[in-house]
Amino acid sequence: MDRARKAGLRMTLDEFLLWDSGDDRRYELIAGEVVMMAPATEPHGTLVMNLGASLRPTLSKRPPCRVVAEGAITRPGARDRCYHADVVVTCTPPARGRILIEQPLLIAEVLSPSTESTDRRIKVPDYRSISSLREILLIDQGRAFVELLRRLDGDRWLTILAIGIDAKVMLESLDLELRLADLYRDVEIETDEDAESD
């Protein structure tokens, strides 16, 4: 358990957005509790960079759309949470001093053993309540496995799985086909041979 949880540090969203932790660590606000985020692993960072590189050419043709790493996101009307999504695409023009990403179109989270439960059980339901959001991308950092959640209408979502390094997934929100070979470039992942030897 991290120091912030041990100390029971609690605050509102407004307090959190003004708060200076006094250190270089990253924090999220979950149900009013300040939670320290684990440092990103090398595969995690590479996946975030690869995804951003895959998205940028398409977004450069659609100003003011852009990709933001570690974008601050909250559920509409929530006053007790602020998440740092690994990658966010928004078409809201940038504004000096703005902290929260407004009207995200796509949110991506790179899953790790220490974050997957929180990402799936807490963040994804909150993300689904954001009316502008069209797609959520969940990326496994240990194997070539991507889960795409796509809004059909209102509260109905479709789940699409892309499995294996040769797989592709269509991001309809951006009219972009994402190749897992590009996403997982320079990332050491489990292969079918590794799984068979276990």
N, C-alpha and C. Protein backbone atom coordinates (compact mmCIF):
# COMPACT_ATOMS: atom_id res chain seq x y z
N MET A 1 0.85 -1.19 0.00
CA MET A 1 0.00 0.00 0.00
C MET A 1 0.89 1.25 0.00
N ASP A 2 0.55 2.22 -0.83
CA ASP A 2 1.42 3.40 -0.93
C ASP A 2 1.18 4.37 0.22
N ARG A 3 2.09 5.35 0.35
CA ARG A 3 2.04 6.29 1.48
C ARG A 3 0.77 7.11 1.48
N ALA A 4 0.29 7.53 0.30
CA ALA A 4 -0.91 8.37 0.27
C ALA A 4 -2.11 7.63 0.83
N ARG A 5 -2.24 6.35 0.53
CA ARG A 5 -3.36 5.57 1.07
C ARG A 5 -3.18 5.34 2.57
N LYS A 6 -1.95 5.07 2.99
CA LYS A 6 -1.70 4.85 4.42
C LYS A 6 -2.09 6.08 5.22
N ALA A 7 -1.77 7.24 4.66
CA ALA A 7 -2.06 8.48 5.36
C ALA A 7 -3.54 8.83 5.30
N GLY A 8 -4.28 8.14 4.44
CA GLY A 8 -5.71 8.42 4.32
C GLY A 8 -5.99 9.79 3.74
N LEU A 9 -5.15 10.25 2.83
CA LEU A 9 -5.30 11.57 2.25
C LEU A 9 -6.54 11.62 1.36
N ARG A 10 -7.48 12.47 1.72
CA ARG A 10 -8.74 12.58 0.98
C ARG A 10 -8.96 14.03 0.57
N MET A 11 -9.60 14.23 -0.59
CA MET A 11 -9.90 15.58 -1.05
C MET A 11 -10.95 15.54 -2.14
N THR A 12 -11.46 16.71 -2.47
CA THR A 12 -12.41 16.84 -3.57
C THR A 12 -11.65 16.99 -4.88
N LEU A 13 -12.36 16.91 -5.99
CA LEU A 13 -11.73 17.11 -7.30
C LEU A 13 -11.08 18.49 -7.38
N ASP A 14 -11.79 19.53 -6.95
CA ASP A 14 -11.23 20.89 -7.02
C ASP A 14 -9.95 21.00 -6.20
N GLU A 15 -9.95 20.41 -5.02
CA GLU A 15 -8.74 20.43 -4.18
C GLU A 15 -7.60 19.66 -4.85
N PHE A 16 -7.94 18.51 -5.45
CA PHE A 16 -6.93 17.68 -6.10
C PHE A 16 -6.28 18.41 -7.28
N LEU A 17 -7.09 19.13 -8.06
CA LEU A 17 -6.56 19.84 -9.22
C LEU A 17 -5.62 20.98 -8.83
N LEU A 18 -5.76 21.49 -7.61
CA LEU A 18 -4.89 22.56 -7.12
C LEU A 18 -3.73 22.03 -6.27
N TRP A 19 -3.79 20.77 -5.90
CA TRP A 19 -2.84 20.18 -4.95
C TRP A 19 -1.46 19.99 -5.57
N ASP A 20 -0.44 20.29 -4.80
CA ASP A 20 0.95 20.03 -5.18
C ASP A 20 1.49 19.02 -4.18
N SER A 21 1.81 17.82 -4.68
CA SER A 21 2.26 16.75 -3.80
C SER A 21 3.65 17.02 -3.21
N GLY A 22 4.42 17.90 -3.86
CA GLY A 22 5.77 18.17 -3.39
C GLY A 22 6.79 17.13 -3.79
N ASP A 23 6.38 16.20 -4.67
CA ASP A 23 7.31 15.19 -5.16
C ASP A 23 7.06 14.97 -6.66
N ASP A 24 7.82 14.07 -7.25
CA ASP A 24 7.70 13.82 -8.69
C ASP A 24 6.82 12.63 -9.00
N ARG A 25 6.09 12.13 -8.03
CA ARG A 25 5.24 10.97 -8.25
C ARG A 25 3.93 11.40 -8.90
N ARG A 26 3.26 10.41 -9.51
CA ARG A 26 1.97 10.67 -10.14
C ARG A 26 0.86 10.11 -9.25
N TYR A 27 -0.25 10.85 -9.18
CA TYR A 27 -1.36 10.46 -8.32
C TYR A 27 -2.67 10.54 -9.10
N GLU A 28 -3.63 9.73 -8.65
CA GLU A 28 -5.00 9.81 -9.14
C GLU A 28 -5.90 10.02 -7.93
N LEU A 29 -7.11 10.47 -8.21
CA LEU A 29 -8.12 10.64 -7.15
C LEU A 29 -9.22 9.63 -7.44
N ILE A 30 -9.39 8.69 -6.52
CA ILE A 30 -10.38 7.62 -6.71
C ILE A 30 -11.31 7.62 -5.51
N ALA A 31 -12.58 7.94 -5.74
CA ALA A 31 -13.59 8.01 -4.68
C ALA A 31 -13.11 8.91 -3.53
N GLY A 32 -12.50 10.03 -3.88
CA GLY A 32 -12.06 11.01 -2.89
C GLY A 32 -10.74 10.69 -2.22
N GLU A 33 -10.12 9.56 -2.57
CA GLU A 33 -8.86 9.15 -1.95
C GLU A 33 -7.72 9.37 -2.94
N VAL A 34 -6.64 9.97 -2.47
CA VAL A 34 -5.45 10.19 -3.30
C VAL A 34 -4.66 8.88 -3.36
N VAL A 35 -4.41 8.43 -4.58
CA VAL A 35 -3.74 7.14 -4.79
C VAL A 35 -2.50 7.35 -5.65
N MET A 36 -1.34 6.92 -5.14
CA MET A 36 -0.11 7.05 -5.89
C MET A 36 -0.09 6.00 -6.99
N MET A 37 0.31 6.42 -8.19
CA MET A 37 0.42 5.51 -9.32
C MET A 37 1.82 4.91 -9.35
N ALA A 38 1.89 3.64 -9.70
CA ALA A 38 3.18 2.97 -9.81
C ALA A 38 3.95 3.57 -11.00
N PRO A 39 5.27 3.61 -10.91
CA PRO A 39 6.05 4.09 -12.05
C PRO A 39 5.79 3.19 -13.27
N ALA A 40 5.77 3.80 -14.44
CA ALA A 40 5.51 3.04 -15.67
C ALA A 40 6.70 2.17 -16.01
N THR A 41 6.43 0.95 -16.46
CA THR A 41 7.50 0.07 -16.92
C THR A 41 7.91 0.47 -18.33
N GLU A 42 9.06 -0.05 -18.76
CA GLU A 42 9.51 0.25 -20.13
C GLU A 42 8.50 -0.22 -21.18
N PRO A 43 7.96 -1.47 -21.08
CA PRO A 43 6.96 -1.87 -22.09
C PRO A 43 5.75 -0.94 -22.11
N HIS A 44 5.32 -0.51 -20.93
CA HIS A 44 4.18 0.41 -20.83
C HIS A 44 4.47 1.70 -21.59
N GLY A 45 5.62 2.30 -21.33
CA GLY A 45 6.00 3.54 -22.00
C GLY A 45 6.13 3.37 -23.50
N THR A 46 6.69 2.24 -23.93
CA THR A 46 6.85 1.99 -25.37
C THR A 46 5.48 1.85 -26.04
N LEU A 47 4.56 1.14 -25.39
CA LEU A 47 3.21 0.99 -25.96
C LEU A 47 2.50 2.34 -26.08
N VAL A 48 2.63 3.19 -25.07
CA VAL A 48 2.02 4.52 -25.13
C VAL A 48 2.60 5.33 -26.29
N MET A 49 3.93 5.29 -26.42
CA MET A 49 4.59 6.03 -27.51
C MET A 49 4.19 5.47 -28.88
N ASN A 50 4.15 4.14 -28.99
CA ASN A 50 3.78 3.52 -30.27
C ASN A 50 2.34 3.86 -30.65
N LEU A 51 1.45 3.85 -29.69
CA LEU A 51 0.06 4.19 -29.98
C LEU A 51 -0.03 5.65 -30.43
N GLY A 52 0.64 6.54 -29.71
CA GLY A 52 0.62 7.95 -30.10
C GLY A 52 1.16 8.16 -31.51
N ALA A 53 2.26 7.45 -31.83
CA ALA A 53 2.85 7.56 -33.18
C ALA A 53 1.89 7.03 -34.24
N SER A 54 1.12 6.01 -33.92
CA SER A 54 0.15 5.45 -34.88
C SER A 54 -1.03 6.40 -35.10
N LEU A 55 -1.38 7.15 -34.07
CA LEU A 55 -2.56 8.04 -34.16
C LEU A 55 -2.25 9.39 -34.79
N ARG A 56 -1.03 9.89 -34.59
CA ARG A 56 -0.71 11.26 -35.00
C ARG A 56 -0.92 11.57 -36.48
N PRO A 57 -0.51 10.69 -37.43
CA PRO A 57 -0.71 11.04 -38.84
C PRO A 57 -2.18 11.28 -39.18
N THR A 58 -3.06 10.47 -38.62
CA THR A 58 -4.49 10.64 -38.88
C THR A 58 -5.00 11.92 -38.23
N LEU A 59 -4.57 12.17 -36.99
CA LEU A 59 -5.06 13.35 -36.27
C LEU A 59 -4.53 14.65 -36.85
N SER A 60 -3.35 14.61 -37.47
CA SER A 60 -2.78 15.83 -38.05
C SER A 60 -3.64 16.35 -39.20
N LYS A 61 -4.47 15.49 -39.77
CA LYS A 61 -5.37 15.90 -40.85
C LYS A 61 -6.72 16.40 -40.33
N ARG A 62 -6.89 16.38 -38.99
CA ARG A 62 -8.17 16.74 -38.39
C ARG A 62 -8.00 17.76 -37.27
N PRO A 63 -7.34 18.89 -37.52
CA PRO A 63 -7.20 19.86 -36.42
C PRO A 63 -8.58 20.33 -35.96
N PRO A 64 -8.78 20.58 -34.68
CA PRO A 64 -7.81 20.62 -33.58
C PRO A 64 -7.64 19.27 -32.87
N CYS A 65 -8.02 18.16 -33.51
CA CYS A 65 -7.89 16.86 -32.86
C CYS A 65 -6.43 16.57 -32.56
N ARG A 66 -6.19 15.96 -31.40
CA ARG A 66 -4.82 15.67 -30.99
C ARG A 66 -4.81 14.52 -30.00
N VAL A 67 -3.62 13.96 -29.82
CA VAL A 67 -3.42 12.88 -28.86
C VAL A 67 -2.70 13.46 -27.64
N VAL A 68 -3.15 13.05 -26.45
CA VAL A 68 -2.59 13.55 -25.20
C VAL A 68 -2.18 12.34 -24.36
N ALA A 69 -0.93 12.32 -23.91
CA ALA A 69 -0.48 11.27 -23.00
C ALA A 69 -0.80 11.68 -21.56
N GLU A 70 -1.23 10.72 -20.77
CA GLU A 70 -1.60 10.94 -19.38
C GLU A 70 -2.61 12.08 -19.23
N GLY A 71 -3.65 12.02 -20.05
CA GLY A 71 -4.70 13.03 -19.97
C GLY A 71 -5.54 12.87 -18.72
N ALA A 72 -5.84 13.98 -18.06
CA ALA A 72 -6.66 13.97 -16.85
C ALA A 72 -8.13 13.88 -17.24
N ILE A 73 -8.81 12.88 -16.71
CA ILE A 73 -10.20 12.59 -17.06
C ILE A 73 -11.02 12.45 -15.79
N THR A 74 -12.26 12.93 -15.83
CA THR A 74 -13.19 12.67 -14.74
C THR A 74 -14.55 12.33 -15.31
N ARG A 75 -15.35 11.65 -14.51
CA ARG A 75 -16.72 11.32 -14.90
C ARG A 75 -17.57 12.58 -14.80
N PRO A 76 -18.49 12.79 -15.74
CA PRO A 76 -19.33 13.99 -15.69
C PRO A 76 -20.04 14.12 -14.34
N GLY A 77 -19.92 15.29 -13.75
CA GLY A 77 -20.59 15.57 -12.48
C GLY A 77 -19.89 15.03 -11.26
N ALA A 78 -18.84 14.25 -11.44
CA ALA A 78 -18.13 13.67 -10.29
C ALA A 78 -17.25 14.73 -9.64
N ARG A 79 -17.25 14.74 -8.33
CA ARG A 79 -16.43 15.70 -7.59
C ARG A 79 -15.39 14.99 -6.73
N ASP A 80 -15.22 13.67 -6.98
CA ASP A 80 -14.32 12.91 -6.11
C ASP A 80 -13.39 11.99 -6.88
N ARG A 81 -13.18 12.27 -8.18
CA ARG A 81 -12.29 11.41 -8.95
C ARG A 81 -11.60 12.16 -10.08
N CYS A 82 -10.38 11.74 -10.35
CA CYS A 82 -9.60 12.26 -11.47
C CYS A 82 -8.60 11.19 -11.85
N TYR A 83 -8.72 10.69 -13.07
CA TYR A 83 -7.86 9.62 -13.55
C TYR A 83 -6.85 10.20 -14.56
N HIS A 84 -5.70 9.54 -14.67
CA HIS A 84 -4.73 9.89 -15.70
C HIS A 84 -4.73 8.76 -16.72
N ALA A 85 -5.50 8.93 -17.78
CA ALA A 85 -5.56 7.91 -18.83
C ALA A 85 -4.24 7.91 -19.59
N ASP A 86 -3.79 6.73 -19.99
CA ASP A 86 -2.50 6.63 -20.68
C ASP A 86 -2.48 7.44 -21.97
N VAL A 87 -3.53 7.32 -22.78
CA VAL A 87 -3.63 8.06 -24.04
C VAL A 87 -5.08 8.53 -24.21
N VAL A 88 -5.23 9.78 -24.59
CA VAL A 88 -6.56 10.35 -24.84
C VAL A 88 -6.54 11.08 -26.17
N VAL A 89 -7.59 10.89 -26.96
CA VAL A 89 -7.77 11.68 -28.18
C VAL A 89 -8.96 12.59 -27.95
N THR A 90 -8.76 13.88 -28.20
CA THR A 90 -9.83 14.85 -28.08
C THR A 90 -9.78 15.79 -29.28
N CYS A 91 -10.93 16.34 -29.64
CA CYS A 91 -10.99 17.32 -30.72
C CYS A 91 -11.39 18.69 -30.19
N THR A 92 -11.33 18.86 -28.88
CA THR A 92 -11.56 20.16 -28.26
C THR A 92 -10.28 20.98 -28.39
N PRO A 93 -10.36 22.21 -28.87
CA PRO A 93 -9.14 23.02 -29.01
C PRO A 93 -8.39 23.14 -27.69
N PRO A 94 -7.05 23.09 -27.74
CA PRO A 94 -6.28 23.22 -26.50
C PRO A 94 -6.45 24.60 -25.90
N ALA A 95 -6.36 24.65 -24.57
CA ALA A 95 -6.47 25.94 -23.87
C ALA A 95 -5.42 26.01 -22.78
N ARG A 96 -4.76 27.16 -22.69
CA ARG A 96 -3.71 27.36 -21.68
C ARG A 96 -4.31 27.21 -20.28
N GLY A 97 -3.64 26.42 -19.44
CA GLY A 97 -4.06 26.28 -18.06
C GLY A 97 -5.12 25.22 -17.82
N ARG A 98 -5.71 24.68 -18.88
CA ARG A 98 -6.73 23.64 -18.69
C ARG A 98 -6.05 22.37 -18.21
N ILE A 99 -6.65 21.70 -17.23
CA ILE A 99 -6.09 20.46 -16.70
C ILE A 99 -6.89 19.26 -17.20
N LEU A 100 -8.20 19.29 -17.04
CA LEU A 100 -9.04 18.17 -17.46
C LEU A 100 -9.23 18.17 -18.97
N ILE A 101 -9.16 16.98 -19.56
CA ILE A 101 -9.43 16.83 -21.00
C ILE A 101 -10.93 16.86 -21.20
N GLU A 102 -11.39 17.77 -22.02
CA GLU A 102 -12.82 17.89 -22.29
C GLU A 102 -13.18 17.11 -23.54
N GLN A 103 -14.30 16.46 -23.50
CA GLN A 103 -14.88 15.74 -24.63
C GLN A 103 -13.90 14.76 -25.28
N PRO A 104 -13.40 13.79 -24.52
CA PRO A 104 -12.53 12.79 -25.15
C PRO A 104 -13.30 11.97 -26.17
N LEU A 105 -12.63 11.63 -27.24
CA LEU A 105 -13.22 10.80 -28.31
C LEU A 105 -12.80 9.35 -28.14
N LEU A 106 -11.54 9.15 -27.75
CA LEU A 106 -10.98 7.82 -27.53
C LEU A 106 -10.09 7.88 -26.30
N ILE A 107 -10.18 6.85 -25.44
CA ILE A 107 -9.30 6.71 -24.28
C ILE A 107 -8.64 5.34 -24.38
N ALA A 108 -7.33 5.29 -24.14
CA ALA A 108 -6.60 4.03 -24.13
C ALA A 108 -5.89 3.86 -22.79
N GLU A 109 -5.96 2.65 -22.26
CA GLU A 109 -5.25 2.29 -21.04
C GLU A 109 -4.37 1.08 -21.34
N VAL A 110 -3.11 1.14 -20.93
CA VAL A 110 -2.21 -0.01 -21.02
C VAL A 110 -2.33 -0.76 -19.70
N LEU A 111 -2.77 -2.01 -19.77
CA LEU A 111 -3.04 -2.79 -18.58
C LEU A 111 -1.77 -3.45 -18.06
N SER A 112 -1.63 -3.47 -16.75
CA SER A 112 -0.54 -4.20 -16.11
C SER A 112 -1.17 -5.00 -14.97
N PRO A 113 -0.46 -6.00 -14.43
CA PRO A 113 -1.04 -6.77 -13.33
C PRO A 113 -1.48 -5.90 -12.16
N SER A 114 -0.76 -4.81 -11.89
CA SER A 114 -1.09 -3.98 -10.74
C SER A 114 -2.23 -2.99 -11.01
N THR A 115 -2.55 -2.72 -12.29
CA THR A 115 -3.58 -1.72 -12.60
C THR A 115 -4.83 -2.29 -13.25
N GLU A 116 -4.77 -3.51 -13.75
CA GLU A 116 -5.87 -4.03 -14.56
C GLU A 116 -7.21 -4.04 -13.82
N SER A 117 -7.21 -4.44 -12.57
CA SER A 117 -8.46 -4.49 -11.82
C SER A 117 -9.09 -3.10 -11.69
N THR A 118 -8.27 -2.10 -11.32
CA THR A 118 -8.78 -0.73 -11.20
C THR A 118 -9.24 -0.19 -12.55
N ASP A 119 -8.45 -0.45 -13.59
CA ASP A 119 -8.82 0.03 -14.93
C ASP A 119 -10.17 -0.54 -15.36
N ARG A 120 -10.36 -1.84 -15.18
CA ARG A 120 -11.59 -2.49 -15.63
C ARG A 120 -12.79 -2.21 -14.73
N ARG A 121 -12.60 -2.29 -13.42
CA ARG A 121 -13.73 -2.21 -12.49
C ARG A 121 -14.14 -0.78 -12.12
N ILE A 122 -13.18 0.14 -12.16
CA ILE A 122 -13.48 1.51 -11.71
C ILE A 122 -13.44 2.49 -12.88
N LYS A 123 -12.34 2.50 -13.62
CA LYS A 123 -12.20 3.51 -14.67
C LYS A 123 -13.14 3.29 -15.85
N VAL A 124 -13.19 2.07 -16.38
CA VAL A 124 -14.00 1.83 -17.59
C VAL A 124 -15.47 2.20 -17.38
N PRO A 125 -16.12 1.79 -16.27
CA PRO A 125 -17.51 2.23 -16.08
C PRO A 125 -17.66 3.75 -16.05
N ASP A 126 -16.69 4.45 -15.42
CA ASP A 126 -16.75 5.92 -15.41
C ASP A 126 -16.52 6.49 -16.80
N TYR A 127 -15.57 5.92 -17.54
CA TYR A 127 -15.32 6.39 -18.90
C TYR A 127 -16.59 6.24 -19.76
N ARG A 128 -17.29 5.15 -19.59
CA ARG A 128 -18.50 4.91 -20.40
C ARG A 128 -19.58 5.97 -20.18
N SER A 129 -19.52 6.66 -19.05
CA SER A 129 -20.53 7.69 -18.76
C SER A 129 -20.22 9.02 -19.44
N ILE A 130 -19.09 9.13 -20.15
CA ILE A 130 -18.72 10.37 -20.84
C ILE A 130 -19.37 10.35 -22.22
N SER A 131 -20.31 11.24 -22.46
CA SER A 131 -21.14 11.17 -23.67
C SER A 131 -20.35 11.34 -24.96
N SER A 132 -19.24 12.08 -24.94
CA SER A 132 -18.47 12.31 -26.17
C SER A 132 -17.62 11.09 -26.55
N LEU A 133 -17.39 10.19 -25.58
CA LEU A 133 -16.47 9.07 -25.79
C LEU A 133 -17.06 8.04 -26.74
N ARG A 134 -16.32 7.70 -27.78
CA ARG A 134 -16.77 6.72 -28.77
C ARG A 134 -16.13 5.36 -28.56
N GLU A 135 -14.84 5.35 -28.14
CA GLU A 135 -14.14 4.08 -28.01
C GLU A 135 -13.18 4.09 -26.82
N ILE A 136 -13.00 2.89 -26.24
CA ILE A 136 -12.03 2.67 -25.17
C ILE A 136 -11.14 1.52 -25.63
N LEU A 137 -9.83 1.72 -25.54
CA LEU A 137 -8.87 0.71 -25.98
C LEU A 137 -8.12 0.22 -24.74
N LEU A 138 -8.18 -1.09 -24.48
CA LEU A 138 -7.46 -1.70 -23.37
C LEU A 138 -6.36 -2.56 -23.96
N ILE A 139 -5.12 -2.24 -23.62
CA ILE A 139 -3.95 -2.86 -24.25
C ILE A 139 -3.19 -3.67 -23.21
N ASP A 140 -3.01 -4.95 -23.48
CA ASP A 140 -2.25 -5.83 -22.59
C ASP A 140 -0.77 -5.60 -22.86
N GLN A 141 0.04 -5.39 -21.81
CA GLN A 141 1.46 -5.13 -22.06
C GLN A 141 2.30 -6.40 -22.07
N GLY A 142 1.71 -7.56 -21.74
CA GLY A 142 2.48 -8.78 -21.70
C GLY A 142 2.32 -9.68 -22.91
N ARG A 143 1.28 -9.44 -23.69
CA ARG A 143 1.03 -10.24 -24.90
C ARG A 143 0.28 -9.40 -25.91
N ALA A 144 0.30 -9.81 -27.16
CA ALA A 144 -0.38 -9.04 -28.21
C ALA A 144 -1.88 -9.28 -28.09
N PHE A 145 -2.52 -8.46 -27.30
CA PHE A 145 -3.95 -8.61 -27.01
C PHE A 145 -4.54 -7.23 -26.76
N VAL A 146 -5.50 -6.86 -27.57
CA VAL A 146 -6.15 -5.56 -27.44
C VAL A 146 -7.66 -5.77 -27.38
N GLU A 147 -8.29 -5.08 -26.45
CA GLU A 147 -9.74 -5.12 -26.31
C GLU A 147 -10.27 -3.73 -26.64
N LEU A 148 -11.14 -3.65 -27.63
CA LEU A 148 -11.74 -2.39 -28.03
C LEU A 148 -13.20 -2.38 -27.60
N LEU A 149 -13.57 -1.36 -26.84
CA LEU A 149 -14.97 -1.16 -26.46
C LEU A 149 -15.49 0.01 -27.29
N ARG A 150 -16.53 -0.25 -28.08
CA ARG A 150 -17.07 0.77 -28.98
C ARG A 150 -18.52 1.06 -28.62
N ARG A 151 -18.82 2.36 -28.45
CA ARG A 151 -20.20 2.76 -28.17
C ARG A 151 -21.07 2.55 -29.41
N LEU A 152 -22.16 1.84 -29.24
CA LEU A 152 -23.11 1.67 -30.34
C LEU A 152 -24.12 2.80 -30.31
N ASP A 153 -24.73 3.00 -29.17
CA ASP A 153 -25.64 4.13 -28.95
C ASP A 153 -25.94 4.18 -27.46
N GLY A 154 -26.14 5.36 -26.94
CA GLY A 154 -26.47 5.50 -25.53
C GLY A 154 -25.54 4.71 -24.63
N ASP A 155 -26.13 3.72 -23.93
CA ASP A 155 -25.36 2.91 -22.99
C ASP A 155 -24.98 1.55 -23.55
N ARG A 156 -25.19 1.32 -24.83
CA ARG A 156 -24.84 0.02 -25.43
C ARG A 156 -23.44 0.08 -26.02
N TRP A 157 -22.62 -0.91 -25.64
CA TRP A 157 -21.22 -0.98 -26.08
C TRP A 157 -20.95 -2.34 -26.69
N LEU A 158 -20.11 -2.36 -27.70
CA LEU A 158 -19.68 -3.58 -28.36
C LEU A 158 -18.22 -3.83 -27.98
N THR A 159 -17.86 -5.08 -27.69
CA THR A 159 -16.48 -5.45 -27.38
C THR A 159 -15.89 -6.20 -28.56
N ILE A 160 -14.72 -5.75 -29.00
CA ILE A 160 -14.01 -6.37 -30.11
C ILE A 160 -12.62 -6.74 -29.62
N LEU A 161 -12.19 -8.00 -29.86
CA LEU A 161 -10.88 -8.46 -29.44
C LEU A 161 -9.96 -8.58 -30.64
N ALA A 162 -8.72 -8.14 -30.47
CA ALA A 162 -7.66 -8.34 -31.47
C ALA A 162 -6.55 -9.10 -30.77
N ILE A 163 -6.27 -10.31 -31.26
CA ILE A 163 -5.34 -11.21 -30.58
C ILE A 163 -4.25 -11.66 -31.55
N GLY A 164 -3.00 -11.51 -31.14
CA GLY A 164 -1.88 -11.94 -31.95
C GLY A 164 -1.23 -10.79 -32.68
N ILE A 165 0.06 -10.91 -32.91
CA ILE A 165 0.85 -9.83 -33.49
C ILE A 165 0.40 -9.46 -34.91
N ASP A 166 -0.25 -10.37 -35.62
CA ASP A 166 -0.70 -10.08 -36.98
C ASP A 166 -2.11 -9.50 -37.03
N ALA A 167 -2.74 -9.33 -35.88
CA ALA A 167 -4.12 -8.83 -35.82
C ALA A 167 -4.17 -7.32 -36.07
N LYS A 168 -5.36 -6.87 -36.42
CA LYS A 168 -5.63 -5.45 -36.63
C LYS A 168 -6.95 -5.12 -35.94
N VAL A 169 -7.12 -3.87 -35.57
CA VAL A 169 -8.38 -3.43 -35.00
C VAL A 169 -8.74 -2.08 -35.62
N MET A 170 -10.00 -1.93 -35.99
CA MET A 170 -10.46 -0.71 -36.63
C MET A 170 -10.97 0.28 -35.59
N LEU A 171 -10.34 1.44 -35.52
CA LEU A 171 -10.81 2.52 -34.65
C LEU A 171 -11.77 3.37 -35.47
N GLU A 172 -13.05 3.12 -35.33
CA GLU A 172 -14.04 3.84 -36.14
C GLU A 172 -14.09 5.31 -35.80
N SER A 173 -13.80 5.65 -34.53
CA SER A 173 -13.85 7.06 -34.12
C SER A 173 -12.84 7.90 -34.89
N LEU A 174 -11.77 7.25 -35.38
CA LEU A 174 -10.72 7.97 -36.10
C LEU A 174 -10.60 7.52 -37.55
N ASP A 175 -11.41 6.54 -37.94
CA ASP A 175 -11.31 5.94 -39.28
C ASP A 175 -9.87 5.48 -39.52
N LEU A 176 -9.36 4.68 -38.58
CA LEU A 176 -7.97 4.25 -38.60
C LEU A 176 -7.88 2.77 -38.25
N GLU A 177 -7.16 2.02 -39.07
CA GLU A 177 -6.89 0.62 -38.77
C GLU A 177 -5.57 0.54 -38.00
N LEU A 178 -5.63 0.03 -36.79
CA LEU A 178 -4.45 -0.08 -35.93
C LEU A 178 -3.90 -1.49 -36.02
N ARG A 179 -2.65 -1.61 -36.43
CA ARG A 179 -2.00 -2.91 -36.54
C ARG A 179 -1.27 -3.22 -35.24
N LEU A 180 -1.50 -4.40 -34.69
CA LEU A 180 -0.83 -4.76 -33.45
C LEU A 180 0.68 -4.87 -33.65
N ALA A 181 1.12 -5.21 -34.86
CA ALA A 181 2.57 -5.26 -35.14
C ALA A 181 3.20 -3.89 -34.92
N ASP A 182 2.50 -2.81 -35.27
CA ASP A 182 3.00 -1.45 -35.03
C ASP A 182 2.92 -1.09 -33.55
N LEU A 183 1.81 -1.46 -32.93
CA LEU A 183 1.59 -1.13 -31.52
C LEU A 183 2.64 -1.79 -30.63
N TYR A 184 2.97 -3.05 -30.93
CA TYR A 184 3.89 -3.81 -30.07
C TYR A 184 5.34 -3.78 -30.56
N ARG A 185 5.66 -2.90 -31.48
CA ARG A 185 7.04 -2.79 -31.95
C ARG A 185 7.96 -2.46 -30.76
N ASP A 186 9.07 -3.20 -30.66
CA ASP A 186 10.08 -3.02 -29.61
C ASP A 186 9.57 -3.37 -28.21
N VAL A 187 8.49 -4.15 -28.12
CA VAL A 187 7.97 -4.60 -26.84
C VAL A 187 8.12 -6.11 -26.77
N GLU A 188 8.78 -6.61 -25.73
CA GLU A 188 8.92 -8.05 -25.57
C GLU A 188 7.62 -8.60 -25.02
N ILE A 189 7.00 -9.49 -25.79
CA ILE A 189 5.70 -10.04 -25.40
C ILE A 189 5.76 -11.56 -25.39
N GLU A 190 4.79 -12.13 -24.69
CA GLU A 190 4.65 -13.58 -24.66
C GLU A 190 4.19 -14.05 -26.03
N THR A 191 4.83 -15.12 -26.52
CA THR A 191 4.43 -15.70 -27.80
C THR A 191 3.68 -16.99 -27.57
N ASP A 192 3.10 -17.55 -28.64
CA ASP A 192 2.39 -18.83 -28.53
C ASP A 192 3.34 -19.91 -28.01
N GLU A 193 4.62 -19.87 -28.44
CA GLU A 193 5.60 -20.86 -27.98
C GLU A 193 5.82 -20.74 -26.47
N ASP A 194 5.86 -19.49 -25.97
CA ASP A 194 6.04 -19.28 -24.52
C ASP A 194 4.88 -19.89 -23.76
N ALA A 195 3.65 -19.67 -24.25
CA ALA A 195 2.45 -20.17 -23.56
C ALA A 195 2.42 -21.70 -23.57
N GLU A 196 2.88 -22.33 -24.68
CA GLU A 196 2.86 -23.79 -24.78
C GLU A 196 3.88 -24.43 -23.86
N SER A 197 4.99 -23.73 -23.56
CA SER A 197 6.03 -24.30 -22.71
C SER A 197 5.69 -24.22 -21.23
N ASP A 198 4.67 -23.44 -20.87
CA ASP A 198 4.28 -23.30 -19.45
C ASP A 198 3.56 -24.54 -18.93
